[in-house]
Amino acid sequence: MIKPTIVIKIDNHLDNQILIEILAGIEEESVLAEVVTEKSFKPAHLLAQEAAEASQLEVGICKSQAVLTTHKLRGKALLHTNTDYRTLGQNAARYVKGNSFTQMIGGEL
């Protein structure tokens, strides 16, 4: 049985601390995540959209610029940040659960 997850697309050469923080935020909200490595020159919001389309929960994140989107947004960012990666992960999980977002530092709500 495949478990529903938030899909995160990453590129191998990027900072792993960003991924660790995003995953920690998702885990704090008790939601599962799946990391997919992909070499691509596509913009971050499009990679996040592809991640959302691959997710049974219809939520995806691209680590290169920490962009969160949903299947319904069709390539537009729901949230993005360059500093508050843990909260971005939390908000992705909170979106899945239908809870309100927490305030992000250095991001957009």
Protein backbone atom coordinates (compact mmCIF):
# COMPACT_ATOMS: atom_id res chain seq x y z
CA MET A 1 0.00 0.00 0.00
CA ILE A 2 1.33 3.43 -0.93
CA LYS A 3 1.13 5.94 1.92
CA PRO A 4 0.02 9.51 1.16
CA THR A 5 3.00 11.87 1.32
CA ILE A 6 4.05 15.43 0.60
CA VAL A 7 6.54 15.17 -2.27
CA ILE A 8 9.74 17.24 -2.13
CA LYS A 9 11.82 17.57 -5.30
CA ILE A 10 15.52 18.24 -4.72
CA ASP A 11 18.81 18.56 -6.56
CA ASN A 12 21.79 16.68 -5.07
CA HIS A 13 24.18 19.63 -4.94
CA LEU A 14 21.99 21.85 -2.75
CA ASP A 15 22.33 22.44 1.00
CA ASN A 16 21.06 19.42 2.95
CA GLN A 17 20.34 21.58 6.01
CA ILE A 18 17.43 23.12 4.07
CA LEU A 19 15.98 19.66 3.42
CA ILE A 20 16.50 18.64 7.05
CA GLU A 21 14.56 21.71 8.24
CA ILE A 22 11.69 21.19 5.76
CA LEU A 23 11.39 17.52 6.75
CA ALA A 24 11.51 18.39 10.46
CA GLY A 25 8.62 20.83 10.03
CA ILE A 26 6.53 18.23 8.20
CA GLU A 27 7.35 15.57 10.79
CA GLU A 28 6.36 17.90 13.67
CA GLU A 29 2.86 17.94 12.18
CA SER A 30 2.81 14.09 11.87
CA VAL A 31 2.57 14.02 8.07
CA LEU A 32 4.74 11.84 5.83
CA ALA A 33 7.10 13.18 3.16
CA GLU A 34 8.88 11.65 0.19
CA VAL A 35 12.08 13.09 -1.29
CA VAL A 36 12.63 12.80 -5.05
CA THR A 37 15.97 13.74 -6.61
CA GLU A 38 15.76 15.35 -10.03
CA LYS A 39 18.29 17.24 -12.12
CA SER A 40 16.38 19.99 -13.86
CA PHE A 41 16.74 23.57 -15.02
CA LYS A 42 13.03 24.29 -14.60
CA PRO A 43 11.95 27.15 -12.31
CA ALA A 44 11.32 26.18 -8.70
CA HIS A 45 7.57 26.84 -8.86
CA LEU A 46 7.22 24.40 -11.77
CA LEU A 47 9.21 21.72 -9.96
CA ALA A 48 7.02 22.25 -6.91
CA GLN A 49 3.95 21.85 -9.15
CA GLU A 50 5.32 18.57 -10.51
CA ALA A 51 5.90 17.44 -6.93
CA ALA A 52 2.30 18.34 -6.04
CA GLU A 53 1.01 16.38 -9.02
CA ALA A 54 3.07 13.35 -7.89
CA SER A 55 1.74 13.60 -4.33
CA GLN A 56 -1.42 11.74 -3.30
CA LEU A 57 -1.96 14.65 -0.90
CA GLU A 58 -1.62 17.06 -3.87
CA VAL A 59 1.04 19.10 -2.01
CA GLY A 60 4.58 19.55 -3.27
CA ILE A 61 7.75 21.42 -2.33
CA CYS A 62 10.83 22.25 -4.39
CA LYS A 63 13.89 22.58 -2.20
CA SER A 64 15.95 24.74 -4.54
CA GLN A 65 14.03 27.86 -3.47
CA ALA A 66 11.75 26.31 -0.83
CA VAL A 67 8.52 26.74 -2.79
CA LEU A 68 5.26 25.16 -1.58
CA THR A 69 2.36 24.67 -3.97
CA THR A 70 -0.70 22.50 -4.43
CA HIS A 71 -2.08 20.62 -7.41
CA LYS A 72 -4.92 23.14 -7.69
CA LEU A 73 -2.64 26.19 -8.03
CA ARG A 74 -1.22 25.06 -11.39
CA GLY A 75 2.37 26.28 -11.02
CA LYS A 76 1.81 29.26 -8.72
CA ALA A 77 3.53 29.33 -5.35
CA LEU A 78 1.35 29.10 -2.26
CA LEU A 79 4.33 29.92 0.01
CA HIS A 80 8.03 30.42 -0.48
CA THR A 81 10.97 31.32 1.75
CA ASN A 82 14.71 31.75 1.71
CA THR A 83 15.15 31.46 5.47
CA ASP A 84 12.28 29.80 7.38
CA TYR A 85 12.41 26.27 5.99
CA ARG A 86 11.04 24.45 9.05
CA THR A 87 7.93 26.62 9.10
CA LEU A 88 7.43 26.05 5.36
CA GLY A 89 7.42 22.30 6.09
CA GLN A 90 5.01 22.80 8.98
CA ASN A 91 2.69 24.86 6.81
CA ALA A 92 2.73 22.23 4.06
CA ALA A 93 1.62 19.64 6.60
CA ARG A 94 -0.90 22.00 8.18
CA TYR A 95 -2.42 22.61 4.72
CA VAL A 96 -2.84 18.84 4.27
CA LYS A 97 -4.59 18.58 7.64
CA GLY A 98 -6.80 21.62 6.98
CA ASN A 99 -5.23 23.68 9.79
CA SER A 100 -4.35 27.36 9.61
CA PHE A 101 -0.79 28.34 8.71
CA THR A 102 1.79 29.50 11.21
CA GLN A 103 3.50 32.83 10.51
CA MET A 104 6.72 32.54 8.52
CA ILE A 105 9.85 34.65 8.95
CA GLY A 106 11.27 35.75 5.61
CA GLY A 107 8.49 34.19 3.57
CA GLU A 108 5.13 35.07 2.12
CA LEU A 109 1.73 34.14 3.43
